[in-house]
PDB file of N, CA and C in Angstrom:
ATOM      1  N   GLN A   1       5.800 -15.941   7.518  1.00  0.00           N
ATOM      2  CA  GLN A   1       6.901 -15.098   6.827  1.00  0.00           C
ATOM      3  C   GLN A   1       6.699 -14.024   6.893  1.00  0.00           C
ATOM      4  N   THR A   2       8.236 -13.756   6.657  1.00  0.00           N
ATOM      5  CA  THR A   2       8.522 -12.469   7.413  1.00  0.00           C
ATOM      6  C   THR A   2       8.182 -11.214   6.086  1.00  0.00           C
ATOM      7  N   ARG A   3       7.956 -11.850   4.835  1.00  0.00           N
ATOM      8  CA  ARG A   3       8.259 -10.760   3.539  1.00  0.00           C
ATOM      9  C   ARG A   3       7.512 -11.800   2.662  1.00  0.00           C
ATOM     10  N   PHE A   4       6.343 -10.916   1.731  1.00  0.00           N
ATOM     11  CA  PHE A   4       5.434 -11.724   0.814  1.00  0.00           C
ATOM     12  C   PHE A   4       4.862 -10.545  -0.008  1.00  0.00           C
ATOM     13  N   ILE A   5       4.458 -11.191  -1.205  1.00  0.00           N
ATOM     14  CA  ILE A   5       3.379 -10.274  -1.957  1.00  0.00           C
ATOM     15  C   ILE A   5       1.940 -10.436  -1.399  1.00  0.00           C
ATOM     16  N   LEU A   6       1.217  -9.490  -0.987  1.00  0.00           N
ATOM     17  CA  LEU A   6      -0.640  -9.582  -1.785  1.00  0.00           C
ATOM     18  C   LEU A   6      -0.498  -9.626  -2.621  1.00  0.00           C
ATOM     19  N   GLY A   7      -1.816  -9.905  -3.455  1.00  0.00           N
ATOM     20  CA  GLY A   7      -2.069  -9.970  -4.696  1.00  0.00           C
ATOM     21  C   GLY A   7      -3.713  -9.608  -5.392  1.00  0.00           C
ATOM     22  N   PRO A   8      -3.823  -9.381  -5.722  1.00  0.00           N
ATOM     23  CA  PRO A   8      -5.814  -9.485  -6.286  1.00  0.00           C
ATOM     24  C   PRO A   8      -5.795 -10.964  -6.778  1.00  0.00           C
ATOM     25  N   GLN A   9      -4.924 -11.809  -7.111  1.00  0.00           N
ATOM     26  CA  GLN A   9      -5.590 -13.249  -6.910  1.00  0.00           C
ATOM     27  C   GLN A   9      -4.375 -14.075  -7.025  1.00  0.00           C
ATOM     28  N   PRO A  10      -4.614 -15.293  -6.445  1.00  0.00           N
ATOM     29  CA  PRO A  10      -3.533 -16.224  -6.185  1.00  0.00           C
ATOM     30  C   PRO A  10      -2.308 -16.353  -7.696  1.00  0.00           C
ATOM     31  N   MET A  11      -1.416 -16.834  -7.357  1.00  0.00           N
ATOM     32  CA  MET A  11      -0.352 -16.375  -8.329  1.00  0.00           C
ATOM     33  C   MET A  11      -0.342 -18.422  -8.651  1.00  0.00           C
ATOM     34  N   ALA A  12      -0.589 -18.839  -9.883  1.00  0.00           N
ATOM     35  CA  ALA A  12      -0.402 -19.890 -10.334  1.00  0.00           C
ATOM     36  C   ALA A  12       0.423 -20.126 -11.828  1.00  0.00           C
ATOM     37  N   GLY A  13      -0.043 -21.439 -12.195  1.00  0.00           N
ATOM     38  CA  GLY A  13       1.132 -21.458 -13.296  1.00  0.00           C
ATOM     39  C   GLY A  13       2.902 -21.218 -12.510  1.00  0.00           C
ATOM     40  N   CYS A  14       3.933 -19.774 -13.641  1.00  0.00           N
ATOM     41  CA  CYS A  14       4.225 -19.323 -14.025  1.00  0.00           C
ATOM     42  C   CYS A  14       5.063 -19.308 -12.161  1.00  0.00           C
ATOM     43  N   ASP A  15       6.110 -19.733 -11.763  1.00  0.00           N
ATOM     44  CA  ASP A  15       6.279 -19.495 -10.265  1.00  0.00           C
ATOM     45  C   ASP A  15       6.792 -17.994 -10.400  1.00  0.00           C
ATOM     46  N   PHE A  16       7.749 -17.567 -10.770  1.00  0.00           N
ATOM     47  CA  PHE A  16       8.422 -16.392 -11.540  1.00  0.00           C
ATOM     48  C   PHE A  16       7.873 -14.918 -12.185  1.00  0.00           C
ATOM     49  N   CYS A  17       6.368 -15.691 -12.598  1.00  0.00           N
ATOM     50  CA  CYS A  17       5.344 -14.528 -13.198  1.00  0.00           C
ATOM     51  C   CYS A  17       4.380 -13.915 -11.924  1.00  0.00           C
ATOM     52  N   LEU A  18       4.398 -12.727 -12.195  1.00  0.00           N
ATOM     53  CA  LEU A  18       3.695 -12.159 -10.974  1.00  0.00           C
ATOM     54  C   LEU A  18       2.189 -11.565 -11.220  1.00  0.00           C
ATOM     55  N   PRO A  19       0.950 -12.182 -11.144  1.00  0.00           N
ATOM     56  CA  PRO A  19      -0.580 -11.574 -11.613  1.00  0.00           C
ATOM     57  C   PRO A  19       0.238  -9.776 -11.337  1.00  0.00           C
ATOM     58  N   GLY A  20      -1.368 -10.069 -12.454  1.00  0.00           N
ATOM     59  CA  GLY A  20      -1.359  -8.540 -12.865  1.00  0.00           C
ATOM     60  C   GLY A  20      -2.221  -7.632 -11.515  1.00  0.00           C
ATOM     61  N   GLY A  21      -2.451  -6.288 -11.421  1.00  0.00           N
ATOM     62  CA  GLY A  21      -2.985  -5.437 -10.825  1.00  0.00           C
ATOM     63  C   GLY A  21      -1.772  -5.226  -9.431  1.00  0.00           C
ATOM     64  N   ALA A  22      -2.808  -4.332  -8.758  1.00  0.00           N
ATOM     65  CA  ALA A  22      -2.046  -3.913  -7.998  1.00  0.00           C
ATOM     66  C   ALA A  22      -1.682  -4.532  -6.884  1.00  0.00           C
ATOM     67  N   LEU A  23       0.184  -4.839  -6.471  1.00  0.00           N
ATOM     68  CA  LEU A  23       1.021  -5.987  -5.576  1.00  0.00           C
ATOM     69  C   LEU A  23       0.990  -4.838  -4.564  1.00  0.00           C
ATOM     70  N   ILE A  24       0.743  -5.390  -3.701  1.00  0.00           N
ATOM     71  CA  ILE A  24       1.485  -4.594  -1.955  1.00  0.00           C
ATOM     72  C   ILE A  24       2.428  -5.849  -0.684  1.00  0.00           C
ATOM     73  N   GLU A  25       3.942  -5.574  -1.704  1.00  0.00           N
ATOM     74  CA  GLU A  25       5.040  -6.105  -0.617  1.00  0.00           C
ATOM     75  C   GLU A  25       4.608  -5.689   0.954  1.00  0.00           C
ATOM     76  N   VAL A  26       4.662  -6.720   1.432  1.00  0.00           N
ATOM     77  CA  VAL A  26       4.001  -7.078   3.137  1.00  0.00           C
ATOM     78  C   VAL A  26       5.696  -7.474   3.485  1.00  0.00           C
ATOM     79  N   GLN A  27       6.252  -6.860   5.101  1.00  0.00           N
ATOM     80  CA  GLN A  27       7.363  -6.982   5.437  1.00  0.00           C
ATOM     81  C   GLN A  27       6.864  -7.328   6.708  1.00  0.00           C
ATOM     82  N   SER A  28       7.395  -7.884   7.533  1.00  0.00           N
ATOM     83  CA  SER A  28       6.989  -8.303   9.150  1.00  0.00           C
ATOM     84  C   SER A  28       8.136  -9.142   9.811  1.00  0.00           C
ATOM     85  N   ASP A  29       8.264  -7.954  10.962  1.00  0.00           N
ATOM     86  CA  ASP A  29       9.498  -7.872  11.924  1.00  0.00           C
ATOM     87  C   ASP A  29       9.091  -9.872  12.684  1.00  0.00           C
ATOM     88  N   LYS A  30       7.736 -10.298  12.982  1.00  0.00           N
ATOM     89  CA  LYS A  30       8.063 -11.145  13.875  1.00  0.00           C
ATOM     90  C   LYS A  30       7.443 -12.426  12.165  1.00  0.00           C
ATOM     91  N   GLY A  31       6.995 -12.424  11.408  1.00  0.00           N
ATOM     92  CA  GLY A  31       6.076 -13.278  10.684  1.00  0.00           C
ATOM     93  C   GLY A  31       4.737 -13.814  10.730  1.00  0.00           C
ATOM     94  N   VAL A  32       3.820 -14.199   9.608  1.00  0.00           N
ATOM     95  CA  VAL A  32       2.534 -13.746   9.839  1.00  0.00           C
ATOM     96  C   VAL A  32       2.580 -15.194   8.886  1.00  0.00           C
ATOM     97  N   THR A  33       2.193 -16.324   9.517  1.00  0.00           N
ATOM     98  CA  THR A  33       1.967 -17.419   9.450  1.00  0.00           C
ATOM     99  C   THR A  33       0.881 -18.220   8.151  1.00  0.00           C
ATOM    100  N   PHE A  34       1.578 -18.534   7.088  1.00  0.00           N
ATOM    101  CA  PHE A  34       0.973 -18.950   6.335  1.00  0.00           C
ATOM    102  C   PHE A  34      -1.121 -19.892   5.959  1.00  0.00           C
ATOM    103  N   THR A  35      -1.960 -18.846   5.112  1.00  0.00           N
ATOM    104  CA  THR A  35      -2.875 -19.498   5.564  1.00  0.00           C
ATOM    105  C   THR A  35      -3.337 -19.543   4.022  1.00  0.00           C
ATOM    106  N   TYR A  36      -4.937 -20.403   3.752  1.00  0.00           N
ATOM    107  CA  TYR A  36      -5.466 -20.216   2.422  1.00  0.00           C
ATOM    108  C   TYR A  36      -6.877 -19.107   2.538  1.00  0.00           C
ATOM    109  N   GLU A  37      -6.941 -18.736   4.179  1.00  0.00           N
ATOM    110  CA  GLU A  37      -7.974 -18.525   4.707  1.00  0.00           C
ATOM    111  C   GLU A  37      -7.678 -16.581   5.376  1.00  0.00           C
ATOM    112  N   PRO A  38      -8.852 -16.389   5.320  1.00  0.00           N
ATOM    113  CA  PRO A  38      -8.591 -14.489   5.073  1.00  0.00           C
ATOM    114  C   PRO A  38      -7.491 -14.086   5.796  1.00  0.00           C
ATOM    115  N   VAL A  39      -6.714 -13.002   6.155  1.00  0.00           N
ATOM    116  CA  VAL A  39      -6.392 -12.946   7.227  1.00  0.00           C
ATOM    117  C   VAL A  39      -6.467 -11.231   6.744  1.00  0.00           C
ATOM    118  N   THR A  40      -5.826 -10.624   8.133  1.00  0.00           N
ATOM    119  CA  THR A  40      -6.327  -9.060   8.461  1.00  0.00           C
ATOM    120  C   THR A  40      -3.927  -8.437   9.033  1.00  0.00           C
ATOM    121  N   ILE A  41      -3.556  -7.910   8.312  1.00  0.00           N
ATOM    122  CA  ILE A  41      -2.497  -7.472   8.110  1.00  0.00           C
ATOM    123  C   ILE A  41      -2.805  -6.115   8.420  1.00  0.00           C
ATOM    124  N   THR A  42      -1.886  -5.425   9.365  1.00  0.00           N
ATOM    125  CA  THR A  42      -2.185  -3.718   9.621  1.00  0.00           C
ATOM    126  C   THR A  42      -0.715  -3.382   9.770  1.00  0.00           C
ATOM    127  N   GLY A  43       0.109  -2.039   9.666  1.00  0.00           N
ATOM    128  CA  GLY A  43       1.077  -1.691   9.559  1.00  0.00           C
ATOM    129  C   GLY A  43       0.874  -0.587   8.725  1.00  0.00           C
ATOM    130  N   VAL A  44       2.015   0.122   8.607  1.00  0.00           N
ATOM    131  CA  VAL A  44       2.353   1.316   8.186  1.00  0.00           C
ATOM    132  C   VAL A  44       2.488   0.940   6.137  1.00  0.00           C
ATOM    133  N   PHE A  45       1.366   1.745   5.499  1.00  0.00           N
ATOM    134  CA  PHE A  45       0.948   1.607   4.339  1.00  0.00           C
ATOM    135  C   PHE A  45       1.442   2.457   3.624  1.00  0.00           C
ATOM    136  N   VAL A  46       3.031   2.559   2.680  1.00  0.00           N
ATOM    137  CA  VAL A  46       3.638   3.513   2.099  1.00  0.00           C
ATOM    138  C   VAL A  46       3.948   3.370   0.444  1.00  0.00           C
ATOM    139  N   VAL A  47       3.945   4.477  -0.365  1.00  0.00           N
ATOM    140  CA  VAL A  47       4.101   4.250  -1.477  1.00  0.00           C
ATOM    141  C   VAL A  47       5.293   4.109  -2.019  1.00  0.00           C
ATOM    142  N   ALA A  48       6.003   2.953  -2.553  1.00  0.00           N
ATOM    143  CA  ALA A  48       6.448   3.142  -2.813  1.00  0.00           C
ATOM    144  C   ALA A  48       7.481   4.041  -4.312  1.00  0.00           C
ATOM    145  N   GLU A  49       8.897   4.157  -3.869  1.00  0.00           N
ATOM    146  CA  GLU A  49       9.393   5.339  -4.943  1.00  0.00           C
ATOM    147  C   GLU A  49      10.696   4.590  -5.517  1.00  0.00           C
ATOM    148  N   ASP A  50      10.898   4.738  -6.600  1.00  0.00           N
ATOM    149  CA  ASP A  50      11.782   3.539  -7.065  1.00  0.00           C
ATOM    150  C   ASP A  50      12.024   2.617  -6.774  1.00  0.00           C
ATOM    151  N   ASP A  51      11.342   1.475  -6.340  1.00  0.00           N
ATOM    152  CA  ASP A  51      11.520  -0.114  -5.718  1.00  0.00           C
ATOM    153  C   ASP A  51      12.219  -0.799  -6.840  1.00  0.00           C
ATOM    154  N   PRO A  52      13.185  -0.918  -6.559  1.00  0.00           N
ATOM    155  CA  PRO A  52      14.195  -1.575  -8.070  1.00  0.00           C
ATOM    156  C   PRO A  52      13.061  -2.981  -8.117  1.00  0.00           C
ATOM    157  N   TYR A  53      12.341  -3.868  -7.640  1.00  0.00           N
ATOM    158  CA  TYR A  53      11.668  -4.652  -8.003  1.00  0.00           C
ATOM    159  C   TYR A  53      10.139  -4.477  -8.744  1.00  0.00           C
ATOM    160  N   GLY A  54       9.915  -3.065  -8.653  1.00  0.00           N
ATOM    161  CA  GLY A  54       8.780  -2.709  -9.398  1.00  0.00           C
ATOM    162  C   GLY A  54       7.445  -3.061  -8.473  1.00  0.00           C
ATOM    163  N   MET A  55       7.714  -2.693  -6.903  1.00  0.00           N
ATOM    164  CA  MET A  55       6.420  -2.509  -6.628  1.00  0.00           C
ATOM    165  C   MET A  55       6.283  -0.904  -6.171  1.00  0.00           C
ATOM    166  N   PHE A  56       4.594  -1.031  -6.175  1.00  0.00           N
ATOM    167  CA  PHE A  56       4.258   0.447  -6.088  1.00  0.00           C
ATOM    168  C   PHE A  56       3.931   0.567  -4.835  1.00  0.00           C
ATOM    169  N   TYR A  57       3.378  -0.275  -3.679  1.00  0.00           N
ATOM    170  CA  TYR A  57       2.845  -0.434  -2.133  1.00  0.00           C
ATOM    171  C   TYR A  57       3.496  -1.239  -1.434  1.00  0.00           C
ATOM    172  N   ARG A  58       3.577  -1.225   0.016  1.00  0.00           N
ATOM    173  CA  ARG A  58       4.586  -1.548   0.809  1.00  0.00           C
ATOM    174  C   ARG A  58       3.766  -1.595   2.062  1.00  0.00           C
ATOM    175  N   ILE A  59       3.639  -2.474   2.908  1.00  0.00           N
ATOM    176  CA  ILE A  59       3.426  -2.614   4.237  1.00  0.00           C
ATOM    177  C   ILE A  59       4.501  -2.835   5.501  1.00  0.00           C
ATOM    178  N   THR A  60       4.305  -2.132   6.149  1.00  0.00           N
ATOM    179  CA  THR A  60       6.183  -2.408   6.452  1.00  0.00           C
ATOM    180  C   THR A  60       5.416  -2.434   8.512  1.00  0.00           C
ATOM    181  N   GLY A  61       6.059  -3.323   8.806  1.00  0.00           N
ATOM    182  CA  GLY A  61       6.048  -3.493  10.801  1.00  0.00           C
ATOM    183  C   GLY A  61       4.518  -4.101  10.793  1.00  0.00           C
ATOM    184  N   ALA A  62       4.576  -4.889   9.862  1.00  0.00           N
ATOM    185  CA  ALA A  62       3.263  -6.153   9.348  1.00  0.00           C
ATOM    186  C   ALA A  62       2.920  -6.761  10.297  1.00  0.00           C
ATOM    187  N   VAL A  63       1.503  -7.304  11.177  1.00  0.00           N
ATOM    188  CA  VAL A  63       1.282  -8.079  12.520  1.00  0.00           C
ATOM    189  C   VAL A  63       0.089  -8.437  12.147  1.00  0.00           C
ATOM    190  N   LYS A  64      -0.037  -9.356  11.977  1.00  0.00           N
ATOM    191  CA  LYS A  64      -1.958 -10.319  11.616  1.00  0.00           C
ATOM    192  C   LYS A  64      -2.606  -9.945  12.521  1.00  0.00           C
ATOM    193  N   GLY A  65      -3.496  -9.326  12.306  1.00  0.00           N
ATOM    194  CA  GLY A  65      -4.347  -8.555  13.574  1.00  0.00           C
ATOM    195  C   GLY A  65      -6.162  -9.762  13.536  1.00  0.00           C
TER     196      GLY A  65
END
């Protein structure tokens, strides 16, 4: 995955509904392999201002560590 959302709980039920709580958009140049296991992501953490999708936080240049 090169672009995905981290949230406090897995998404379930409605595919178009985002879970409540803090959501972090992750952008990765090389991609991160999907897994149900915990992973460590490193990158540049940014507070998003006026994001059209309503994201408050973003990690850019993310890599799996």
